[in-house]
Amino acid sequence: MSEPHAPTWKAKWGFLLTPPRPARLFSLRTTATALAAFLAAFAMGLPSPHWAAMTVWVLAPHPPRFVVAFDKALPSP
């Protein structure tokens, strides 16, 4: 009797090498937006422009209604 073949690395983890199209588009769009935010903050002479890009990466996975709801939850000055 022969033993069944174990799945190959590519069969088991190949999805990491070729993510679906929506995931690739989300990644490209978020990277471009983070780069634009970083460059805008750098051009304005902010002391830590990397936080502008970090804000994009933190808020990107959330749906727009979450971001708006969070903004409305903050007290007005």
C-alpha atoms as a PDB file:
ATOM      1  CA  MET A   1       0.000   0.000   0.000  1.00  0.00           C
ATOM      2  CA  SER A   2       1.202   3.433  -0.771  1.00  0.00           C
ATOM      3  CA  GLU A   3       0.742   6.316   1.609  1.00  0.00           C
ATOM      4  CA  PRO A   4      -1.396   9.279   0.511  1.00  0.00           C
ATOM      5  CA  HIS A   5       0.610  12.300  -0.492  1.00  0.00           C
ATOM      6  CA  ALA A   6       0.732  15.171   1.938  1.00  0.00           C
ATOM      7  CA  PRO A   7      -0.359  18.497   0.473  1.00  0.00           C
ATOM      8  CA  THR A   8       2.491  20.520  -0.918  1.00  0.00           C
ATOM      9  CA  TRP A   9       3.476  23.856   0.538  1.00  0.00           C
ATOM     10  CA  LYS A  10       1.994  25.709  -2.427  1.00  0.00           C
ATOM     11  CA  ALA A  11      -1.310  23.824  -2.203  1.00  0.00           C
ATOM     12  CA  LYS A  12      -1.566  24.633   1.494  1.00  0.00           C
ATOM     13  CA  TRP A  13      -0.178  28.209   1.595  1.00  0.00           C
ATOM     14  CA  GLY A  14      -0.413  29.337  -2.047  1.00  0.00           C
ATOM     15  CA  PHE A  15      -3.184  31.820  -1.258  1.00  0.00           C
ATOM     16  CA  LEU A  16      -0.565  33.962   0.508  1.00  0.00           C
ATOM     17  CA  LEU A  17       1.372  34.310  -2.741  1.00  0.00           C
ATOM     18  CA  THR A  18      -1.653  35.194  -4.866  1.00  0.00           C
ATOM     19  CA  PRO A  19      -4.265  37.075  -2.833  1.00  0.00           C
ATOM     20  CA  PRO A  20      -7.641  37.722  -4.460  1.00  0.00           C
ATOM     21  CA  ARG A  21      -8.070  40.798  -6.645  1.00  0.00           C
ATOM     22  CA  PRO A  22     -10.108  42.843  -4.093  1.00  0.00           C
ATOM     23  CA  ALA A  23      -7.383  42.331  -1.486  1.00  0.00           C
ATOM     24  CA  ARG A  24      -4.688  43.471  -3.919  1.00  0.00           C
ATOM     25  CA  LEU A  25      -6.700  46.559  -4.861  1.00  0.00           C
ATOM     26  CA  PHE A  26      -7.325  47.416  -1.207  1.00  0.00           C
ATOM     27  CA  SER A  27      -3.620  47.081  -0.477  1.00  0.00           C
ATOM     28  CA  LEU A  28      -2.587  49.276  -3.408  1.00  0.00           C
ATOM     29  CA  ARG A  29      -5.228  51.899  -2.640  1.00  0.00           C
ATOM     30  CA  THR A  30      -4.301  52.041   1.049  1.00  0.00           C
ATOM     31  CA  THR A  31      -0.582  52.250   0.286  1.00  0.00           C
ATOM     32  CA  ALA A  32      -1.119  55.077  -2.212  1.00  0.00           C
ATOM     33  CA  THR A  33      -3.310  56.964   0.262  1.00  0.00           C
ATOM     34  CA  ALA A  34      -0.786  56.509   3.087  1.00  0.00           C
ATOM     35  CA  LEU A  35       2.015  57.753   0.839  1.00  0.00           C
ATOM     36  CA  ALA A  36      -0.049  60.799  -0.172  1.00  0.00           C
ATOM     37  CA  ALA A  37      -0.823  61.564   3.477  1.00  0.00           C
ATOM     38  CA  PHE A  38       2.852  61.224   4.404  1.00  0.00           C
ATOM     39  CA  LEU A  39       3.973  63.506   1.580  1.00  0.00           C
ATOM     40  CA  ALA A  40       1.318  66.102   2.441  1.00  0.00           C
ATOM     41  CA  ALA A  41       2.350  66.104   6.108  1.00  0.00           C
ATOM     42  CA  PHE A  42       6.026  66.320   5.107  1.00  0.00           C
ATOM     43  CA  ALA A  43       5.316  69.220   2.735  1.00  0.00           C
ATOM     44  CA  MET A  44       3.489  71.081   5.532  1.00  0.00           C
ATOM     45  CA  GLY A  45       6.539  70.678   7.742  1.00  0.00           C
ATOM     46  CA  LEU A  46       4.868  68.680  10.500  1.00  0.00           C
ATOM     47  CA  PRO A  47       7.359  67.399  13.092  1.00  0.00           C
ATOM     48  CA  SER A  48       6.299  63.725  12.729  1.00  0.00           C
ATOM     49  CA  PRO A  49       4.793  63.155   9.270  1.00  0.00           C
ATOM     50  CA  HIS A  50       4.839  59.370   9.677  1.00  0.00           C
ATOM     51  CA  TRP A  51       1.759  59.617  11.922  1.00  0.00           C
ATOM     52  CA  ALA A  52      -0.303  60.804   8.948  1.00  0.00           C
ATOM     53  CA  ALA A  53       0.460  57.567   7.119  1.00  0.00           C
ATOM     54  CA  MET A  54      -0.147  55.534  10.281  1.00  0.00           C
ATOM     55  CA  THR A  55      -3.604  57.095  10.634  1.00  0.00           C
ATOM     56  CA  VAL A  56      -4.476  55.912   7.123  1.00  0.00           C
ATOM     57  CA  TRP A  57      -3.396  52.351   7.933  1.00  0.00           C
ATOM     58  CA  VAL A  58      -5.351  52.320  11.207  1.00  0.00           C
ATOM     59  CA  LEU A  59      -8.603  53.642   9.718  1.00  0.00           C
ATOM     60  CA  ALA A  60      -8.462  51.883   6.325  1.00  0.00           C
ATOM     61  CA  PRO A  61      -9.938  48.491   7.333  1.00  0.00           C
ATOM     62  CA  HIS A  62     -12.997  50.068   8.960  1.00  0.00           C
ATOM     63  CA  PRO A  63     -16.129  50.899   6.997  1.00  0.00           C
ATOM     64  CA  PRO A  64     -16.736  54.626   6.425  1.00  0.00           C
ATOM     65  CA  ARG A  65     -19.746  54.680   8.764  1.00  0.00           C
ATOM     66  CA  PHE A  66     -17.465  53.631  11.664  1.00  0.00           C
ATOM     67  CA  VAL A  67     -15.112  56.528  11.008  1.00  0.00           C
ATOM     68  CA  VAL A  68     -17.997  59.009  10.835  1.00  0.00           C
ATOM     69  CA  ALA A  69     -19.592  57.569  13.979  1.00  0.00           C
ATOM     70  CA  PHE A  70     -16.265  57.829  15.821  1.00  0.00           C
ATOM     71  CA  ASP A  71     -15.925  61.454  14.714  1.00  0.00           C
ATOM     72  CA  LYS A  72     -19.430  62.291  15.996  1.00  0.00           C
ATOM     73  CA  ALA A  73     -18.745  60.532  19.301  1.00  0.00           C
ATOM     74  CA  LEU A  74     -15.969  62.968  20.173  1.00  0.00           C
ATOM     75  CA  PRO A  75     -16.996  65.974  22.287  1.00  0.00           C
ATOM     76  CA  SER A  76     -16.998  69.357  20.573  1.00  0.00           C
ATOM     77  CA  PRO A  77     -14.426  71.842  21.861  1.00  0.00           C
END
